[in-house]
Amino acid sequence: MIVTTTPGIEGRRITAYHGVVTGETIIGANIFRDIFAGIRDIVGGRSGAYENALASARETALSEMQDRARQLGGNAVVGVDLDYEVINNMLMVSASGTSVTVEQEPK
């Protein structure tokens, strides 16, 4: 499935619009990981634990959004937007876009 932040796909014609689709995931922050990440940030290091958790949450939200696009009959999602929010020490990642059908072969 093609997933893009642009409103269209170069070389492909959108033949049908199926509606807005979303995917969300919320991950909790482990207290010990929080403390360790804070210490590493102070000394200028990167927090691998947070980076991995963020990447996993993003992939889950995008995958859920694509599943919903398929359920509506789409073979691509255009206009994708990713949002990140912190809610009570938990990280929420949401992905949204428009499920569309595009021509299979570029003309």
N, C-alpha and C. Protein backbone atom coordinates (compact mmCIF):
# COMPACT_ATOMS: atom_id res chain seq x y z
N MET A 1 0.85 -1.18 0.00
CA MET A 1 0.00 0.00 0.00
C MET A 1 0.89 1.23 0.00
N ILE A 2 0.55 2.18 -0.86
CA ILE A 2 1.28 3.44 -0.91
C ILE A 2 0.72 4.35 0.18
N VAL A 3 1.62 4.92 0.99
CA VAL A 3 1.24 5.85 2.05
C VAL A 3 2.10 7.09 1.87
N THR A 4 1.45 8.24 1.73
CA THR A 4 2.19 9.46 1.46
C THR A 4 1.58 10.67 2.15
N THR A 5 2.42 11.64 2.46
CA THR A 5 1.94 12.88 3.06
C THR A 5 1.41 13.85 2.01
N THR A 6 1.67 13.57 0.76
CA THR A 6 1.22 14.46 -0.31
C THR A 6 -0.24 14.21 -0.65
N PRO A 7 -0.92 15.17 -1.30
CA PRO A 7 -2.35 15.00 -1.63
C PRO A 7 -2.60 14.06 -2.80
N GLY A 8 -1.57 13.67 -3.50
CA GLY A 8 -1.71 12.76 -4.63
C GLY A 8 -0.44 11.95 -4.79
N ILE A 9 -0.45 11.07 -5.78
CA ILE A 9 0.71 10.21 -6.03
C ILE A 9 1.16 10.46 -7.46
N GLU A 10 2.36 10.97 -7.61
CA GLU A 10 2.86 11.34 -8.92
C GLU A 10 2.79 10.15 -9.88
N GLY A 11 2.22 10.39 -11.05
CA GLY A 11 2.13 9.37 -12.07
C GLY A 11 0.96 8.41 -11.91
N ARG A 12 0.18 8.58 -10.87
CA ARG A 12 -0.98 7.72 -10.63
C ARG A 12 -2.22 8.58 -10.46
N ARG A 13 -3.31 8.14 -11.06
CA ARG A 13 -4.57 8.87 -10.96
C ARG A 13 -5.41 8.27 -9.85
N ILE A 14 -5.94 9.13 -8.99
CA ILE A 14 -6.86 8.68 -7.94
C ILE A 14 -8.22 8.46 -8.60
N THR A 15 -8.74 7.24 -8.47
CA THR A 15 -10.02 6.92 -9.11
C THR A 15 -11.19 6.91 -8.14
N ALA A 16 -10.91 6.84 -6.83
CA ALA A 16 -11.99 6.86 -5.83
C ALA A 16 -11.44 7.32 -4.49
N TYR A 17 -12.28 8.06 -3.79
CA TYR A 17 -11.98 8.49 -2.43
C TYR A 17 -12.91 7.72 -1.49
N HIS A 18 -12.34 7.13 -0.44
CA HIS A 18 -13.14 6.30 0.47
C HIS A 18 -13.36 6.92 1.84
N GLY A 19 -12.67 8.00 2.14
CA GLY A 19 -12.88 8.67 3.42
C GLY A 19 -11.63 8.74 4.28
N VAL A 20 -11.78 9.46 5.37
CA VAL A 20 -10.68 9.65 6.32
C VAL A 20 -10.48 8.37 7.12
N VAL A 21 -9.22 8.00 7.30
CA VAL A 21 -8.87 6.83 8.12
C VAL A 21 -7.85 7.27 9.17
N THR A 22 -7.91 6.62 10.32
CA THR A 22 -7.00 6.95 11.41
C THR A 22 -6.43 5.69 12.03
N GLY A 23 -5.34 5.87 12.73
CA GLY A 23 -4.75 4.82 13.54
C GLY A 23 -4.14 5.48 14.76
N GLU A 24 -4.35 4.88 15.91
CA GLU A 24 -3.82 5.46 17.14
C GLU A 24 -3.18 4.37 17.99
N THR A 25 -2.22 4.79 18.77
CA THR A 25 -1.64 3.90 19.76
C THR A 25 -1.18 4.74 20.94
N ILE A 26 -1.30 4.16 22.12
CA ILE A 26 -0.83 4.83 23.34
C ILE A 26 0.11 3.87 24.04
N ILE A 27 1.29 4.37 24.39
CA ILE A 27 2.25 3.54 25.11
C ILE A 27 2.55 4.20 26.44
N GLY A 28 2.67 3.37 27.46
CA GLY A 28 3.00 3.85 28.80
C GLY A 28 4.50 3.99 28.94
N ALA A 29 4.90 4.89 29.78
CA ALA A 29 6.33 5.10 30.03
C ALA A 29 6.71 4.40 31.34
N ASN A 30 7.70 3.58 31.28
CA ASN A 30 8.21 2.87 32.45
C ASN A 30 9.00 3.83 33.33
N ILE A 31 8.74 3.82 34.61
CA ILE A 31 9.37 4.77 35.52
C ILE A 31 10.89 4.65 35.53
N PHE A 32 11.44 3.44 35.47
CA PHE A 32 12.89 3.29 35.48
C PHE A 32 13.49 3.75 34.16
N ARG A 33 12.79 3.49 33.07
CA ARG A 33 13.26 3.95 31.77
C ARG A 33 13.23 5.49 31.75
N ASP A 34 12.21 6.10 32.37
CA ASP A 34 12.12 7.56 32.44
C ASP A 34 13.32 8.15 33.16
N ILE A 35 13.66 7.57 34.30
CA ILE A 35 14.79 8.07 35.08
C ILE A 35 16.08 7.93 34.29
N PHE A 36 16.29 6.76 33.69
CA PHE A 36 17.51 6.52 32.91
C PHE A 36 17.58 7.47 31.72
N ALA A 37 16.46 7.68 31.03
CA ALA A 37 16.44 8.59 29.88
C ALA A 37 16.79 10.01 30.31
N GLY A 38 16.28 10.44 31.47
CA GLY A 38 16.58 11.77 31.97
C GLY A 38 18.05 11.95 32.26
N ILE A 39 18.67 10.96 32.85
CA ILE A 39 20.11 11.02 33.15
C ILE A 39 20.91 11.08 31.86
N ARG A 40 20.55 10.26 30.88
CA ARG A 40 21.28 10.25 29.62
C ARG A 40 21.11 11.56 28.89
N ASP A 41 19.92 12.16 28.98
CA ASP A 41 19.70 13.45 28.31
C ASP A 41 20.56 14.53 28.94
N ILE A 42 20.76 14.46 30.24
CA ILE A 42 21.58 15.46 30.93
C ILE A 42 23.02 15.41 30.45
N VAL A 43 23.56 14.23 30.21
CA VAL A 43 24.95 14.12 29.78
C VAL A 43 25.09 14.17 28.26
N GLY A 44 24.00 14.49 27.56
CA GLY A 44 24.09 14.69 26.13
C GLY A 44 23.90 13.44 25.29
N GLY A 45 23.61 12.32 25.93
CA GLY A 45 23.39 11.10 25.16
C GLY A 45 21.99 11.02 24.60
N ARG A 46 21.78 10.07 23.73
CA ARG A 46 20.44 9.84 23.17
C ARG A 46 19.77 8.72 23.94
N SER A 47 18.46 8.77 24.00
CA SER A 47 17.71 7.75 24.71
C SER A 47 17.23 6.70 23.71
N GLY A 48 17.98 5.62 23.60
CA GLY A 48 17.62 4.54 22.69
C GLY A 48 16.29 3.90 23.05
N ALA A 49 16.00 3.80 24.34
CA ALA A 49 14.74 3.20 24.78
C ALA A 49 13.56 4.02 24.27
N TYR A 50 13.65 5.35 24.41
CA TYR A 50 12.56 6.21 23.93
C TYR A 50 12.47 6.18 22.41
N GLU A 51 13.61 6.21 21.74
CA GLU A 51 13.60 6.19 20.28
C GLU A 51 12.94 4.92 19.76
N ASN A 52 13.26 3.79 20.38
CA ASN A 52 12.66 2.52 19.96
C ASN A 52 11.17 2.49 20.25
N ALA A 53 10.76 3.00 21.41
CA ALA A 53 9.35 3.02 21.77
C ALA A 53 8.58 3.93 20.82
N LEU A 54 9.16 5.06 20.49
CA LEU A 54 8.51 6.00 19.57
C LEU A 54 8.37 5.40 18.18
N ALA A 55 9.41 4.75 17.67
CA ALA A 55 9.35 4.12 16.36
C ALA A 55 8.30 3.02 16.32
N SER A 56 8.22 2.24 17.38
CA SER A 56 7.23 1.17 17.46
C SER A 56 5.81 1.72 17.47
N ALA A 57 5.59 2.79 18.24
CA ALA A 57 4.26 3.41 18.32
C ALA A 57 3.86 3.99 16.97
N ARG A 58 4.80 4.63 16.29
CA ARG A 58 4.52 5.21 14.97
C ARG A 58 4.15 4.12 13.98
N GLU A 59 4.89 3.03 13.95
CA GLU A 59 4.61 1.94 13.02
C GLU A 59 3.25 1.30 13.31
N THR A 60 2.92 1.16 14.59
CA THR A 60 1.62 0.60 14.96
C THR A 60 0.48 1.49 14.48
N ALA A 61 0.60 2.80 14.69
CA ALA A 61 -0.44 3.74 14.26
C ALA A 61 -0.59 3.72 12.74
N LEU A 62 0.52 3.72 12.01
CA LEU A 62 0.46 3.68 10.55
C LEU A 62 -0.14 2.38 10.05
N SER A 63 0.22 1.27 10.67
CA SER A 63 -0.31 -0.03 10.28
C SER A 63 -1.82 -0.10 10.50
N GLU A 64 -2.27 0.41 11.64
CA GLU A 64 -3.70 0.42 11.94
C GLU A 64 -4.46 1.29 10.92
N MET A 65 -3.87 2.43 10.56
CA MET A 65 -4.49 3.31 9.57
C MET A 65 -4.59 2.61 8.21
N GLN A 66 -3.54 1.90 7.81
CA GLN A 66 -3.56 1.18 6.54
C GLN A 66 -4.61 0.07 6.55
N ASP A 67 -4.74 -0.63 7.65
CA ASP A 67 -5.76 -1.68 7.77
C ASP A 67 -7.15 -1.10 7.56
N ARG A 68 -7.40 0.06 8.15
CA ARG A 68 -8.71 0.70 8.00
C ARG A 68 -8.92 1.16 6.56
N ALA A 69 -7.86 1.62 5.90
CA ALA A 69 -7.98 2.03 4.50
C ALA A 69 -8.35 0.83 3.62
N ARG A 70 -7.72 -0.33 3.87
CA ARG A 70 -8.05 -1.55 3.12
C ARG A 70 -9.50 -1.96 3.34
N GLN A 71 -9.97 -1.85 4.58
CA GLN A 71 -11.35 -2.22 4.89
C GLN A 71 -12.35 -1.36 4.12
N LEU A 72 -11.96 -0.14 3.80
CA LEU A 72 -12.83 0.74 3.02
C LEU A 72 -12.67 0.54 1.52
N GLY A 73 -11.73 -0.31 1.12
CA GLY A 73 -11.53 -0.60 -0.30
C GLY A 73 -10.39 0.17 -0.94
N GLY A 74 -9.60 0.88 -0.15
CA GLY A 74 -8.50 1.66 -0.71
C GLY A 74 -7.25 0.84 -0.91
N ASN A 75 -6.40 1.32 -1.83
CA ASN A 75 -5.09 0.70 -2.02
C ASN A 75 -3.95 1.69 -1.78
N ALA A 76 -4.31 2.88 -1.24
CA ALA A 76 -3.33 3.90 -0.89
C ALA A 76 -3.95 4.84 0.14
N VAL A 77 -3.07 5.56 0.83
CA VAL A 77 -3.52 6.60 1.77
C VAL A 77 -2.73 7.86 1.44
N VAL A 78 -3.45 8.95 1.18
CA VAL A 78 -2.80 10.22 0.86
C VAL A 78 -3.08 11.24 1.96
N GLY A 79 -2.25 12.30 1.98
CA GLY A 79 -2.44 13.36 2.96
C GLY A 79 -2.20 12.92 4.38
N VAL A 80 -1.27 12.00 4.58
CA VAL A 80 -1.03 11.44 5.92
C VAL A 80 -0.40 12.48 6.84
N ASP A 81 -0.91 12.52 8.07
CA ASP A 81 -0.40 13.40 9.11
C ASP A 81 -0.14 12.56 10.35
N LEU A 82 0.99 12.78 10.99
CA LEU A 82 1.33 12.10 12.24
C LEU A 82 1.31 13.13 13.37
N ASP A 83 0.67 12.77 14.48
CA ASP A 83 0.62 13.64 15.65
C ASP A 83 1.12 12.88 16.86
N TYR A 84 1.83 13.59 17.74
CA TYR A 84 2.36 13.03 18.97
C TYR A 84 1.87 13.86 20.13
N GLU A 85 1.37 13.20 21.17
CA GLU A 85 0.90 13.90 22.37
C GLU A 85 1.34 13.12 23.60
N VAL A 86 1.64 13.83 24.68
CA VAL A 86 1.93 13.20 25.95
C VAL A 86 0.73 13.42 26.85
N ILE A 87 0.19 12.32 27.37
CA ILE A 87 -0.99 12.37 28.23
C ILE A 87 -0.68 11.59 29.50
N ASN A 88 -0.56 12.27 30.63
CA ASN A 88 -0.30 11.61 31.91
C ASN A 88 0.83 10.59 31.84
N ASN A 89 1.97 11.01 31.38
CA ASN A 89 3.16 10.15 31.26
C ASN A 89 3.00 9.01 30.27
N MET A 90 2.05 9.12 29.37
CA MET A 90 1.90 8.15 28.29
C MET A 90 2.05 8.89 26.98
N LEU A 91 2.54 8.21 25.97
CA LEU A 91 2.73 8.80 24.66
C LEU A 91 1.64 8.29 23.72
N MET A 92 0.92 9.23 23.09
CA MET A 92 -0.07 8.86 22.10
C MET A 92 0.44 9.28 20.73
N VAL A 93 0.40 8.34 19.79
CA VAL A 93 0.76 8.62 18.41
C VAL A 93 -0.47 8.35 17.57
N SER A 94 -0.85 9.32 16.75
CA SER A 94 -2.00 9.12 15.87
C SER A 94 -1.59 9.43 14.43
N ALA A 95 -2.12 8.64 13.52
CA ALA A 95 -1.89 8.83 12.09
C ALA A 95 -3.25 8.99 11.43
N SER A 96 -3.36 9.94 10.51
CA SER A 96 -4.61 10.12 9.78
C SER A 96 -4.30 10.43 8.33
N GLY A 97 -5.24 10.10 7.47
CA GLY A 97 -5.09 10.36 6.05
C GLY A 97 -6.38 10.03 5.34
N THR A 98 -6.36 10.06 4.02
CA THR A 98 -7.53 9.75 3.22
C THR A 98 -7.29 8.47 2.44
N SER A 99 -8.19 7.51 2.62
CA SER A 99 -8.12 6.25 1.90
C SER A 99 -8.59 6.48 0.46
N VAL A 100 -7.78 6.07 -0.50
CA VAL A 100 -8.11 6.26 -1.91
C VAL A 100 -7.80 4.99 -2.70
N THR A 101 -8.36 4.92 -3.89
CA THR A 101 -7.98 3.90 -4.86
C THR A 101 -7.22 4.63 -5.96
N VAL A 102 -6.04 4.11 -6.27
CA VAL A 102 -5.24 4.68 -7.36
C VAL A 102 -5.06 3.63 -8.44
N GLU A 103 -4.82 4.11 -9.66
CA GLU A 103 -4.53 3.20 -10.75
C GLU A 103 -3.33 2.35 -10.40
N GLN A 104 -3.36 1.11 -10.77
CA GLN A 104 -2.26 0.20 -10.43
C GLN A 104 -1.00 0.49 -11.21
N GLU A 105 -1.12 0.80 -12.47
CA GLU A 105 0.06 1.05 -13.30
C GLU A 105 0.11 2.51 -13.72
N PRO A 106 1.25 3.17 -13.55
CA PRO A 106 1.37 4.54 -14.00
C PRO A 106 1.19 4.64 -15.51
N LYS A 107 0.58 5.74 -15.94
CA LYS A 107 0.41 5.95 -17.40
C LYS A 107 1.44 6.90 -17.91
